[in-house]
Amino acid sequence: MSAAPLVTPDGRYLVVRGRLWRRTDPRLDEATRASIVHELMEARRAKKTALADDDAAAVEAARARVDAAKTSLGERGPVWWDDDAPDETRRMARNTRYADWFATVGPDAATN
């Protein structure tokens, strides 16, 4: 069983192998979130199938579906917080405003 992912103190990001990834918008109700996640998984399966079939048009269509779902979840596109803080997705935590906090969570955090 794997440990729960590390989350920044403000709840905006997951930390995976030291890198920040934006979390789902917490304002989404559970039914909406579940529906979007279902669509995301369907789109990912469609992409896998399209890649296996070497169907470039279907790959692009599936990628667009994945992007739309991730945007609907708040993981891409405009940030879901309203304090004008910048989006630091994909940046290494040690190189962001979370650096001091990240240094205190221990070396195991970088391997999540």
PDB file of N, CA and C in Angstrom:
ATOM      1  N   MET A   1       0.846  -1.176   0.000  1.00  0.00           N
ATOM      2  CA  MET A   1       0.000   0.000   0.000  1.00  0.00           C
ATOM      3  C   MET A   1       0.893   1.240   0.000  1.00  0.00           C
ATOM      4  N   SER A   2       0.614   2.188  -0.867  1.00  0.00           N
ATOM      5  CA  SER A   2       1.438   3.385  -0.947  1.00  0.00           C
ATOM      6  C   SER A   2       0.932   4.451   0.020  1.00  0.00           C
ATOM      7  N   ALA A   3       1.842   5.313   0.413  1.00  0.00           N
ATOM      8  CA  ALA A   3       1.500   6.398   1.319  1.00  0.00           C
ATOM      9  C   ALA A   3       0.699   7.465   0.569  1.00  0.00           C
ATOM     10  N   ALA A   4      -0.071   8.223   1.308  1.00  0.00           N
ATOM     11  CA  ALA A   4      -0.824   9.323   0.705  1.00  0.00           C
ATOM     12  C   ALA A   4       0.164  10.329   0.121  1.00  0.00           C
ATOM     13  N   PRO A   5      -0.193  10.932  -1.000  1.00  0.00           N
ATOM     14  CA  PRO A   5       0.727  11.905  -1.593  1.00  0.00           C
ATOM     15  C   PRO A   5       0.898  13.125  -0.688  1.00  0.00           C
ATOM     16  N   LEU A   6       2.053  13.723  -0.786  1.00  0.00           N
ATOM     17  CA  LEU A   6       2.354  14.932  -0.043  1.00  0.00           C
ATOM     18  C   LEU A   6       1.574  16.087  -0.669  1.00  0.00           C
ATOM     19  N   VAL A   7       0.958  16.907   0.157  1.00  0.00           N
ATOM     20  CA  VAL A   7       0.166  18.050  -0.291  1.00  0.00           C
ATOM     21  C   VAL A   7       0.730  19.310   0.344  1.00  0.00           C
ATOM     22  N   THR A   8       0.831  20.369  -0.451  1.00  0.00           N
ATOM     23  CA  THR A   8       1.336  21.635   0.093  1.00  0.00           C
ATOM     24  C   THR A   8       0.410  22.135   1.194  1.00  0.00           C
ATOM     25  N   PRO A   9       0.928  22.930   2.118  1.00  0.00           N
ATOM     26  CA  PRO A   9       0.118  23.397   3.239  1.00  0.00           C
ATOM     27  C   PRO A   9      -1.165  24.123   2.832  1.00  0.00           C
ATOM     28  N   ASP A  10      -1.154  24.803   1.685  1.00  0.00           N
ATOM     29  CA  ASP A  10      -2.356  25.513   1.248  1.00  0.00           C
ATOM     30  C   ASP A  10      -3.301  24.625   0.444  1.00  0.00           C
ATOM     31  N   GLY A  11      -2.918  23.369   0.220  1.00  0.00           N
ATOM     32  CA  GLY A  11      -3.787  22.420  -0.466  1.00  0.00           C
ATOM     33  C   GLY A  11      -3.870  22.566  -1.975  1.00  0.00           C
ATOM     34  N   ARG A  12      -3.018  23.387  -2.550  1.00  0.00           N
ATOM     35  CA  ARG A  12      -3.103  23.639  -3.985  1.00  0.00           C
ATOM     36  C   ARG A  12      -2.393  22.596  -4.839  1.00  0.00           C
ATOM     37  N   TYR A  13      -1.369  21.961  -4.301  1.00  0.00           N
ATOM     38  CA  TYR A  13      -0.537  21.072  -5.106  1.00  0.00           C
ATOM     39  C   TYR A  13      -0.274  19.745  -4.406  1.00  0.00           C
ATOM     40  N   LEU A  14      -0.113  18.705  -5.223  1.00  0.00           N
ATOM     41  CA  LEU A  14       0.479  17.448  -4.798  1.00  0.00           C
ATOM     42  C   LEU A  14       1.960  17.562  -5.108  1.00  0.00           C
ATOM     43  N   VAL A  15       2.793  16.885  -4.340  1.00  0.00           N
ATOM     44  CA  VAL A  15       4.220  16.850  -4.628  1.00  0.00           C
ATOM     45  C   VAL A  15       4.557  15.412  -5.013  1.00  0.00           C
ATOM     46  N   VAL A  16       5.017  15.240  -6.237  1.00  0.00           N
ATOM     47  CA  VAL A  16       5.386  13.924  -6.744  1.00  0.00           C
ATOM     48  C   VAL A  16       6.834  13.984  -7.202  1.00  0.00           C
ATOM     49  N   ARG A  17       7.672  13.177  -6.543  1.00  0.00           N
ATOM     50  CA  ARG A  17       9.111  13.180  -6.824  1.00  0.00           C
ATOM     51  C   ARG A  17       9.674  14.602  -6.815  1.00  0.00           C
ATOM     52  N   GLY A  18       9.197  15.403  -5.858  1.00  0.00           N
ATOM     53  CA  GLY A  18       9.705  16.753  -5.673  1.00  0.00           C
ATOM     54  C   GLY A  18       9.081  17.811  -6.566  1.00  0.00           C
ATOM     55  N   ARG A  19       8.180  17.407  -7.453  1.00  0.00           N
ATOM     56  CA  ARG A  19       7.581  18.339  -8.413  1.00  0.00           C
ATOM     57  C   ARG A  19       6.128  18.637  -8.022  1.00  0.00           C
ATOM     58  N   LEU A  20       5.702  19.880  -8.229  1.00  0.00           N
ATOM     59  CA  LEU A  20       4.341  20.306  -7.892  1.00  0.00           C
ATOM     60  C   LEU A  20       3.365  20.003  -9.035  1.00  0.00           C
ATOM     61  N   TRP A  21       2.216  19.458  -8.663  1.00  0.00           N
ATOM     62  CA  TRP A  21       1.129  19.196  -9.620  1.00  0.00           C
ATOM     63  C   TRP A  21      -0.156  19.741  -9.022  1.00  0.00           C
ATOM     64  N   ARG A  22      -0.847  20.584  -9.777  1.00  0.00           N
ATOM     65  CA  ARG A  22      -2.062  21.227  -9.274  1.00  0.00           C
ATOM     66  C   ARG A  22      -3.130  20.193  -8.928  1.00  0.00           C
ATOM     67  N   ARG A  23      -3.777  20.387  -7.792  1.00  0.00           N
ATOM     68  CA  ARG A  23      -4.855  19.502  -7.351  1.00  0.00           C
ATOM     69  C   ARG A  23      -6.182  19.910  -7.971  1.00  0.00           C
ATOM     70  N   THR A  24      -7.127  19.012  -7.879  1.00  0.00           N
ATOM     71  CA  THR A  24      -8.486  19.271  -8.334  1.00  0.00           C
ATOM     72  C   THR A  24      -9.097  20.400  -7.504  1.00  0.00           C
ATOM     73  N   ASP A  25      -9.917  21.212  -8.156  1.00  0.00           N
ATOM     74  CA  ASP A  25     -10.609  22.310  -7.493  1.00  0.00           C
ATOM     75  C   ASP A  25     -11.481  21.752  -6.367  1.00  0.00           C
ATOM     76  N   PRO A  26     -11.221  22.127  -5.114  1.00  0.00           N
ATOM     77  CA  PRO A  26     -11.993  21.583  -3.991  1.00  0.00           C
ATOM     78  C   PRO A  26     -13.440  22.076  -3.950  1.00  0.00           C
ATOM     79  N   ARG A  27     -13.764  23.056  -4.762  1.00  0.00           N
ATOM     80  CA  ARG A  27     -15.141  23.560  -4.784  1.00  0.00           C
ATOM     81  C   ARG A  27     -16.070  22.667  -5.596  1.00  0.00           C
ATOM     82  N   LEU A  28     -15.529  21.722  -6.367  1.00  0.00           N
ATOM     83  CA  LEU A  28     -16.377  20.812  -7.142  1.00  0.00           C
ATOM     84  C   LEU A  28     -17.097  19.867  -6.186  1.00  0.00           C
ATOM     85  N   ASP A  29     -18.403  19.690  -6.400  1.00  0.00           N
ATOM     86  CA  ASP A  29     -19.107  18.724  -5.563  1.00  0.00           C
ATOM     87  C   ASP A  29     -18.699  17.314  -6.009  1.00  0.00           C
ATOM     88  N   GLU A  30     -18.901  16.352  -5.135  1.00  0.00           N
ATOM     89  CA  GLU A  30     -18.418  14.991  -5.373  1.00  0.00           C
ATOM     90  C   GLU A  30     -18.999  14.375  -6.644  1.00  0.00           C
ATOM     91  N   ALA A  31     -20.270  14.584  -6.923  1.00  0.00           N
ATOM     92  CA  ALA A  31     -20.885  13.998  -8.122  1.00  0.00           C
ATOM     93  C   ALA A  31     -20.264  14.569  -9.395  1.00  0.00           C
ATOM     94  N   THR A  32     -20.041  15.866  -9.408  1.00  0.00           N
ATOM     95  CA  THR A  32     -19.427  16.506 -10.576  1.00  0.00           C
ATOM     96  C   THR A  32     -18.000  16.022 -10.755  1.00  0.00           C
ATOM     97  N   ARG A  33     -17.245  15.999  -9.659  1.00  0.00           N
ATOM     98  CA  ARG A  33     -15.869  15.530  -9.724  1.00  0.00           C
ATOM     99  C   ARG A  33     -15.798  14.096 -10.237  1.00  0.00           C
ATOM    100  N   ALA A  34     -16.649  13.234  -9.712  1.00  0.00           N
ATOM    101  CA  ALA A  34     -16.650  11.827 -10.128  1.00  0.00           C
ATOM    102  C   ALA A  34     -16.989  11.687 -11.605  1.00  0.00           C
ATOM    103  N   SER A  35     -17.930  12.467 -12.073  1.00  0.00           N
ATOM    104  CA  SER A  35     -18.315  12.422 -13.484  1.00  0.00           C
ATOM    105  C   SER A  35     -17.158  12.850 -14.393  1.00  0.00           C
ATOM    106  N   ILE A  36     -16.477  13.902 -14.003  1.00  0.00           N
ATOM    107  CA  ILE A  36     -15.342  14.393 -14.804  1.00  0.00           C
ATOM    108  C   ILE A  36     -14.193  13.385 -14.764  1.00  0.00           C
ATOM    109  N   VAL A  37     -13.934  12.802 -13.606  1.00  0.00           N
ATOM    110  CA  VAL A  37     -12.873  11.798 -13.497  1.00  0.00           C
ATOM    111  C   VAL A  37     -13.210  10.590 -14.372  1.00  0.00           C
ATOM    112  N   HIS A  38     -14.479  10.202 -14.404  1.00  0.00           N
ATOM    113  CA  HIS A  38     -14.895   9.096 -15.279  1.00  0.00           C
ATOM    114  C   HIS A  38     -14.589   9.437 -16.740  1.00  0.00           C
ATOM    115  N   GLU A  39     -14.930  10.639 -17.162  1.00  0.00           N
ATOM    116  CA  GLU A  39     -14.639  11.067 -18.535  1.00  0.00           C
ATOM    117  C   GLU A  39     -13.132  11.085 -18.793  1.00  0.00           C
ATOM    118  N   LEU A  40     -12.360  11.541 -17.818  1.00  0.00           N
ATOM    119  CA  LEU A  40     -10.908  11.550 -17.957  1.00  0.00           C
ATOM    120  C   LEU A  40     -10.370  10.137 -18.185  1.00  0.00           C
ATOM    121  N   MET A  41     -10.846   9.182 -17.396  1.00  0.00           N
ATOM    122  CA  MET A  41     -10.381   7.804 -17.554  1.00  0.00           C
ATOM    123  C   MET A  41     -10.804   7.227 -18.912  1.00  0.00           C
ATOM    124  N   GLU A  42     -12.014   7.534 -19.351  1.00  0.00           N
ATOM    125  CA  GLU A  42     -12.465   7.091 -20.683  1.00  0.00           C
ATOM    126  C   GLU A  42     -11.574   7.684 -21.771  1.00  0.00           C
ATOM    127  N   ALA A  43     -11.243   8.952 -21.634  1.00  0.00           N
ATOM    128  CA  ALA A  43     -10.401   9.617 -22.630  1.00  0.00           C
ATOM    129  C   ALA A  43      -8.997   9.012 -22.643  1.00  0.00           C
ATOM    130  N   ARG A  44      -8.475   8.688 -21.473  1.00  0.00           N
ATOM    131  CA  ARG A  44      -7.149   8.063 -21.418  1.00  0.00           C
ATOM    132  C   ARG A  44      -7.156   6.677 -22.060  1.00  0.00           C
ATOM    133  N   ARG A  45      -8.236   5.932 -21.835  1.00  0.00           N
ATOM    134  CA  ARG A  45      -8.340   4.622 -22.488  1.00  0.00           C
ATOM    135  C   ARG A  45      -8.450   4.783 -24.000  1.00  0.00           C
ATOM    136  N   ALA A  46      -9.202   5.791 -24.450  1.00  0.00           N
ATOM    137  CA  ALA A  46      -9.328   6.044 -25.890  1.00  0.00           C
ATOM    138  C   ALA A  46      -7.975   6.403 -26.496  1.00  0.00           C
ATOM    139  N   LYS A  47      -7.192   7.160 -25.763  1.00  0.00           N
ATOM    140  CA  LYS A  47      -5.857   7.520 -26.252  1.00  0.00           C
ATOM    141  C   LYS A  47      -4.978   6.285 -26.367  1.00  0.00           C
ATOM    142  N   LYS A  48      -5.027   5.425 -25.370  1.00  0.00           N
ATOM    143  CA  LYS A  48      -4.234   4.192 -25.402  1.00  0.00           C
ATOM    144  C   LYS A  48      -4.613   3.344 -26.608  1.00  0.00           C
ATOM    145  N   THR A  49      -5.908   3.208 -26.854  1.00  0.00           N
ATOM    146  CA  THR A  49      -6.377   2.426 -28.000  1.00  0.00           C
ATOM    147  C   THR A  49      -5.926   3.064 -29.302  1.00  0.00           C
ATOM    148  N   ALA A  50      -6.065   4.371 -29.406  1.00  0.00           N
ATOM    149  CA  ALA A  50      -5.669   5.078 -30.630  1.00  0.00           C
ATOM    150  C   ALA A  50      -4.179   4.949 -30.892  1.00  0.00           C
ATOM    151  N   LEU A  51      -3.378   5.005 -29.845  1.00  0.00           N
ATOM    152  CA  LEU A  51      -1.938   4.818 -30.010  1.00  0.00           C
ATOM    153  C   LEU A  51      -1.626   3.400 -30.506  1.00  0.00           C
ATOM    154  N   ALA A  52      -2.305   2.418 -29.920  1.00  0.00           N
ATOM    155  CA  ALA A  52      -2.085   1.032 -30.340  1.00  0.00           C
ATOM    156  C   ALA A  52      -2.509   0.818 -31.792  1.00  0.00           C
ATOM    157  N   ASP A  53      -3.555   1.532 -32.213  1.00  0.00           N
ATOM    158  CA  ASP A  53      -4.050   1.423 -33.593  1.00  0.00           C
ATOM    159  C   ASP A  53      -3.286   2.315 -34.561  1.00  0.00           C
ATOM    160  N   ASP A  54      -2.359   3.112 -34.047  1.00  0.00           N
ATOM    161  CA  ASP A  54      -1.581   4.053 -34.860  1.00  0.00           C
ATOM    162  C   ASP A  54      -2.506   5.000 -35.631  1.00  0.00           C
ATOM    163  N   ASP A  55      -3.527   5.503 -34.910  1.00  0.00           N
ATOM    164  CA  ASP A  55      -4.530   6.391 -35.504  1.00  0.00           C
ATOM    165  C   ASP A  55      -4.292   7.812 -34.989  1.00  0.00           C
ATOM    166  N   ALA A  56      -3.550   8.595 -35.757  1.00  0.00           N
ATOM    167  CA  ALA A  56      -3.140   9.936 -35.320  1.00  0.00           C
ATOM    168  C   ALA A  56      -4.327  10.840 -35.014  1.00  0.00           C
ATOM    169  N   ALA A  57      -5.365  10.787 -35.842  1.00  0.00           N
ATOM    170  CA  ALA A  57      -6.527  11.647 -35.612  1.00  0.00           C
ATOM    171  C   ALA A  57      -7.234  11.279 -34.310  1.00  0.00           C
ATOM    172  N   ALA A  58      -7.351   9.989 -34.045  1.00  0.00           N
ATOM    173  CA  ALA A  58      -8.000   9.547 -32.804  1.00  0.00           C
ATOM    174  C   ALA A  58      -7.143   9.888 -31.587  1.00  0.00           C
ATOM    175  N   VAL A  59      -5.819   9.827 -31.742  1.00  0.00           N
ATOM    176  CA  VAL A  59      -4.927  10.213 -30.644  1.00  0.00           C
ATOM    177  C   VAL A  59      -5.152  11.685 -30.303  1.00  0.00           C
ATOM    178  N   GLU A  60      -5.185  12.523 -31.311  1.00  0.00           N
ATOM    179  CA  GLU A  60      -5.385  13.957 -31.063  1.00  0.00           C
ATOM    180  C   GLU A  60      -6.749  14.237 -30.443  1.00  0.00           C
ATOM    181  N   ALA A  61      -7.782  13.532 -30.903  1.00  0.00           N
ATOM    182  CA  ALA A  61      -9.122  13.708 -30.325  1.00  0.00           C
ATOM    183  C   ALA A  61      -9.137  13.276 -28.865  1.00  0.00           C
ATOM    184  N   ALA A  62      -8.478  12.169 -28.562  1.00  0.00           N
ATOM    185  CA  ALA A  62      -8.423  11.688 -27.180  1.00  0.00           C
ATOM    186  C   ALA A  62      -7.625  12.643 -26.306  1.00  0.00           C
ATOM    187  N   ARG A  63      -6.516  13.167 -26.835  1.00  0.00           N
ATOM    188  CA  ARG A  63      -5.730  14.149 -26.073  1.00  0.00           C
ATOM    189  C   ARG A  63      -6.555  15.388 -25.766  1.00  0.00           C
ATOM    190  N   ALA A  64      -7.364  15.810 -26.705  1.00  0.00           N
ATOM    191  CA  ALA A  64      -8.236  16.974 -26.478  1.00  0.00           C
ATOM    192  C   ALA A  64      -9.249  16.672 -25.376  1.00  0.00           C
ATOM    193  N   ARG A  65      -9.774  15.449 -25.362  1.00  0.00           N
ATOM    194  CA  ARG A  65     -10.715  15.052 -24.302  1.00  0.00           C
ATOM    195  C   ARG A  65     -10.025  15.041 -22.942  1.00  0.00           C
ATOM    196  N   VAL A  66      -8.801  14.514 -22.896  1.00  0.00           N
ATOM    197  CA  VAL A  66      -8.048  14.503 -21.640  1.00  0.00           C
ATOM    198  C   VAL A  66      -7.835  15.936 -21.158  1.00  0.00           C
ATOM    199  N   ASP A  67      -7.406  16.808 -22.053  1.00  0.00           N
ATOM    200  CA  ASP A  67      -7.160  18.199 -21.684  1.00  0.00           C
ATOM    201  C   ASP A  67      -8.437  18.869 -21.175  1.00  0.00           C
ATOM    202  N   ALA A  68      -9.552  18.625 -21.852  1.00  0.00           N
ATOM    203  CA  ALA A  68     -10.825  19.223 -21.432  1.00  0.00           C
ATOM    204  C   ALA A  68     -11.220  18.738 -20.034  1.00  0.00           C
ATOM    205  N   ALA A  69     -11.037  17.455 -19.772  1.00  0.00           N
ATOM    206  CA  ALA A  69     -11.385  16.924 -18.454  1.00  0.00           C
ATOM    207  C   ALA A  69     -10.469  17.507 -17.381  1.00  0.00           C
ATOM    208  N   LYS A  70      -9.167  17.555 -17.650  1.00  0.00           N
ATOM    209  CA  LYS A  70      -8.231  18.093 -16.665  1.00  0.00           C
ATOM    210  C   LYS A  70      -8.524  19.577 -16.400  1.00  0.00           C
ATOM    211  N   THR A  71      -8.906  20.302 -17.442  1.00  0.00           N
ATOM    212  CA  THR A  71      -9.273  21.711 -17.275  1.00  0.00           C
ATOM    213  C   THR A  71     -10.542  21.831 -16.438  1.00  0.00           C
ATOM    214  N   SER A  72     -11.525  20.965 -16.697  1.00  0.00           N
ATOM    215  CA  SER A  72     -12.769  20.982 -15.919  1.00  0.00           C
ATOM    216  C   SER A  72     -12.521  20.667 -14.449  1.00  0.00           C
ATOM    217  N   LEU A  73     -11.535  19.836 -14.178  1.00  0.00           N
ATOM    218  CA  LEU A  73     -11.194  19.507 -12.797  1.00  0.00           C
ATOM    219  C   LEU A  73     -10.427  20.633 -12.108  1.00  0.00           C
ATOM    220  N   GLY A  74      -9.924  21.580 -12.897  1.00  0.00           N
ATOM    221  CA  GLY A  74      -9.138  22.678 -12.326  1.00  0.00           C
ATOM    222  C   GLY A  74      -7.656  22.378 -12.279  1.00  0.00           C
ATOM    223  N   GLU A  75      -7.240  21.242 -12.848  1.00  0.00           N
ATOM    224  CA  GLU A  75      -5.834  20.862 -12.819  1.00  0.00           C
ATOM    225  C   GLU A  75      -5.031  21.522 -13.931  1.00  0.00           C
ATOM    226  N   ARG A  76      -5.725  22.092 -14.902  1.00  0.00           N
ATOM    227  CA  ARG A  76      -5.108  22.855 -15.991  1.00  0.00           C
ATOM    228  C   ARG A  76      -5.953  24.103 -16.202  1.00  0.00           C
ATOM    229  N   GLY A  77      -5.445  24.989 -17.036  1.00  0.00           N
ATOM    230  CA  GLY A  77      -6.194  26.204 -17.340  1.00  0.00           C
ATOM    231  C   GLY A  77      -6.093  27.214 -16.215  1.00  0.00           C
ATOM    232  N   PRO A  78      -7.084  28.088 -16.114  1.00  0.00           N
ATOM    233  CA  PRO A  78      -7.054  29.115 -15.063  1.00  0.00           C
ATOM    234  C   PRO A  78      -7.007  28.480 -13.675  1.00  0.00           C
ATOM    235  N   VAL A  79      -6.262  29.099 -12.779  1.00  0.00           N
ATOM    236  CA  VAL A  79      -6.172  28.577 -11.418  1.00  0.00           C
ATOM    237  C   VAL A  79      -7.514  28.724 -10.720  1.00  0.00           C
ATOM    238  N   TRP A  80      -7.767  27.871  -9.744  1.00  0.00           N
ATOM    239  CA  TRP A  80      -9.043  27.902  -9.041  1.00  0.00           C
ATOM    240  C   TRP A  80      -8.992  28.743  -7.761  1.00  0.00           C
ATOM    241  N   TRP A  81      -7.830  29.206  -7.382  1.00  0.00           N
ATOM    242  CA  TRP A  81      -7.746  30.076  -6.205  1.00  0.00           C
ATOM    243  C   TRP A  81      -7.853  31.531  -6.652  1.00  0.00           C
ATOM    244  N   ASP A  82      -8.142  32.415  -5.692  1.00  0.00           N
ATOM    245  CA  ASP A  82      -8.435  33.799  -6.064  1.00  0.00           C
ATOM    246  C   ASP A  82      -7.564  34.837  -5.369  1.00  0.00           C
ATOM    247  N   ASP A  83      -6.360  34.442  -4.956  1.00  0.00           N
ATOM    248  CA  ASP A  83      -5.489  35.408  -4.276  1.00  0.00           C
ATOM    249  C   ASP A  83      -4.340  35.901  -5.163  1.00  0.00           C
ATOM    250  N   ASP A  84      -4.449  35.692  -6.456  1.00  0.00           N
ATOM    251  CA  ASP A  84      -3.459  36.133  -7.442  1.00  0.00           C
ATOM    252  C   ASP A  84      -2.101  35.439  -7.313  1.00  0.00           C
ATOM    253  N   ALA A  85      -2.019  34.351  -6.557  1.00  0.00           N
ATOM    254  CA  ALA A  85      -0.766  33.597  -6.482  1.00  0.00           C
ATOM    255  C   ALA A  85      -0.532  32.917  -7.830  1.00  0.00           C
ATOM    256  N   PRO A  86       0.714  32.867  -8.275  1.00  0.00           N
ATOM    257  CA  PRO A  86       0.995  32.267  -9.578  1.00  0.00           C
ATOM    258  C   PRO A  86       0.815  30.753  -9.556  1.00  0.00           C
ATOM    259  N   ASP A  87       0.607  30.188 -10.735  1.00  0.00           N
ATOM    260  CA  ASP A  87       0.538  28.740 -10.881  1.00  0.00           C
ATOM    261  C   ASP A  87       1.960  28.207 -10.965  1.00  0.00           C
ATOM    262  N   GLU A  88       2.304  27.297 -10.080  1.00  0.00           N
ATOM    263  CA  GLU A  88       3.656  26.742 -10.052  1.00  0.00           C
ATOM    264  C   GLU A  88       3.671  25.267 -10.437  1.00  0.00           C
ATOM    265  N   THR A  89       2.645  24.833 -11.160  1.00  0.00           N
ATOM    266  CA  THR A  89       2.568  23.452 -11.618  1.00  0.00           C
ATOM    267  C   THR A  89       3.801  23.087 -12.423  1.00  0.00           C
ATOM    268  N   ARG A  90       4.277  21.888 -12.221  1.00  0.00           N
ATOM    269  CA  ARG A  90       5.424  21.279 -12.896  1.00  0.00           C
ATOM    270  C   ARG A  90       6.771  21.794 -12.399  1.00  0.00           C
ATOM    271  N   ARG A  91       6.777  22.750 -11.519  1.00  0.00           N
ATOM    272  CA  ARG A  91       8.055  23.257 -10.999  1.00  0.00           C
ATOM    273  C   ARG A  91       8.506  22.390  -9.831  1.00  0.00           C
ATOM    274  N   MET A  92       9.798  22.323  -9.648  1.00  0.00           N
ATOM    275  CA  MET A  92      10.351  21.600  -8.510  1.00  0.00           C
ATOM    276  C   MET A  92      10.032  22.398  -7.246  1.00  0.00           C
ATOM    277  N   ALA A  93       9.511  21.731  -6.240  1.00  0.00           N
ATOM    278  CA  ALA A  93       9.101  22.408  -5.003  1.00  0.00           C
ATOM    279  C   ALA A  93      10.244  23.219  -4.400  1.00  0.00           C
ATOM    280  N   ARG A  94      11.450  22.712  -4.500  1.00  0.00           N
ATOM    281  CA  ARG A  94      12.597  23.406  -3.900  1.00  0.00           C
ATOM    282  C   ARG A  94      12.898  24.739  -4.583  1.00  0.00           C
ATOM    283  N   ASN A  95      12.316  24.967  -5.762  1.00  0.00           N
ATOM    284  CA  ASN A  95      12.543  26.207  -6.501  1.00  0.00           C
ATOM    285  C   ASN A  95      11.311  27.119  -6.512  1.00  0.00           C
ATOM    286  N   THR A  96      10.430  26.932  -5.549  1.00  0.00           N
ATOM    287  CA  THR A  96       9.186  27.705  -5.509  1.00  0.00           C
ATOM    288  C   THR A  96       9.029  28.371  -4.149  1.00  0.00           C
ATOM    289  N   ARG A  97       7.918  29.040  -3.970  1.00  0.00           N
ATOM    290  CA  ARG A  97       7.643  29.661  -2.675  1.00  0.00           C
ATOM    291  C   ARG A  97       7.416  28.620  -1.585  1.00  0.00           C
ATOM    292  N   TYR A  98       7.327  27.339  -1.948  1.00  0.00           N
ATOM    293  CA  TYR A  98       7.168  26.249  -0.988  1.00  0.00           C
ATOM    294  C   TYR A  98       8.508  25.664  -0.544  1.00  0.00           C
ATOM    295  N   ALA A  99       9.610  26.232  -0.977  1.00  0.00           N
ATOM    296  CA  ALA A  99      10.944  25.670  -0.722  1.00  0.00           C
ATOM    297  C   ALA A  99      11.213  25.458   0.773  1.00  0.00           C
ATOM    298  N   ASP A 100      10.944  26.448   1.595  1.00  0.00           N
ATOM    299  CA  ASP A 100      11.223  26.316   3.033  1.00  0.00           C
ATOM    300  C   ASP A 100      10.388  25.194   3.638  1.00  0.00           C
ATOM    301  N   TRP A 101       9.109  25.149   3.305  1.00  0.00           N
ATOM    302  CA  TRP A 101       8.243  24.083   3.792  1.00  0.00           C
ATOM    303  C   TRP A 101       8.746  22.725   3.305  1.00  0.00           C
ATOM    304  N   PHE A 102       9.072  22.626   2.024  1.00  0.00           N
ATOM    305  CA  PHE A 102       9.496  21.355   1.441  1.00  0.00           C
ATOM    306  C   PHE A 102      10.781  20.849   2.100  1.00  0.00           C
ATOM    307  N   ALA A 103      11.663  21.763   2.461  1.00  0.00           N
ATOM    308  CA  ALA A 103      12.916  21.365   3.118  1.00  0.00           C
ATOM    309  C   ALA A 103      12.672  20.736   4.483  1.00  0.00           C
ATOM    310  N   THR A 104      11.549  21.040   5.102  1.00  0.00           N
ATOM    311  CA  THR A 104      11.255  20.513   6.439  1.00  0.00           C
ATOM    312  C   THR A 104      10.517  19.186   6.433  1.00  0.00           C
ATOM    313  N   VAL A 105       9.986  18.768   5.298  1.00  0.00           N
ATOM    314  CA  VAL A 105       9.168  17.542   5.296  1.00  0.00           C
ATOM    315  C   VAL A 105       9.999  16.290   5.188  1.00  0.00           C
ATOM    316  N   GLY A 106      11.285  16.414   4.909  1.00  0.00           N
ATOM    317  CA  GLY A 106      12.178  15.271   4.907  1.00  0.00           C
ATOM    318  C   GLY A 106      12.498  14.739   3.530  1.00  0.00           C
ATOM    319  N   PRO A 107      13.552  13.933   3.439  1.00  0.00           N
ATOM    320  CA  PRO A 107      14.012  13.423   2.157  1.00  0.00           C
ATOM    321  C   PRO A 107      13.036  12.461   1.487  1.00  0.00           C
ATOM    322  N   ASP A 108      12.187  11.778   2.249  1.00  0.00           N
ATOM    323  CA  ASP A 108      11.251  10.844   1.648  1.00  0.00           C
ATOM    324  C   ASP A 108      10.199  11.530   0.795  1.00  0.00           C
ATOM    325  N   ALA A 109       9.939  12.799   1.060  1.00  0.00           N
ATOM    326  CA  ALA A 109       8.917  13.529   0.292  1.00  0.00           C
ATOM    327  C   ALA A 109       9.284  13.631  -1.173  1.00  0.00           C
ATOM    328  N   ALA A 110      10.552  13.711  -1.477  1.00  0.00           N
ATOM    329  CA  ALA A 110      10.998  13.861  -2.860  1.00  0.00           C
ATOM    330  C   ALA A 110      10.818  12.592  -3.666  1.00  0.00           C
ATOM    331  N   THR A 111      10.536  11.456  -3.006  1.00  0.00           N
ATOM    332  CA  THR A 111      10.415  10.191  -3.731  1.00  0.00           C
ATOM    333  C   THR A 111       8.983   9.732  -3.868  1.00  0.00           C
ATOM    334  N   ASN A 112       8.016  10.502  -3.408  1.00  0.00           N
ATOM    335  CA  ASN A 112       6.599  10.120  -3.550  1.00  0.00           C
ATOM    336  C   ASN A 112       6.228   9.954  -4.991  1.00  0.00           C
TER     337      ASN A 112
END
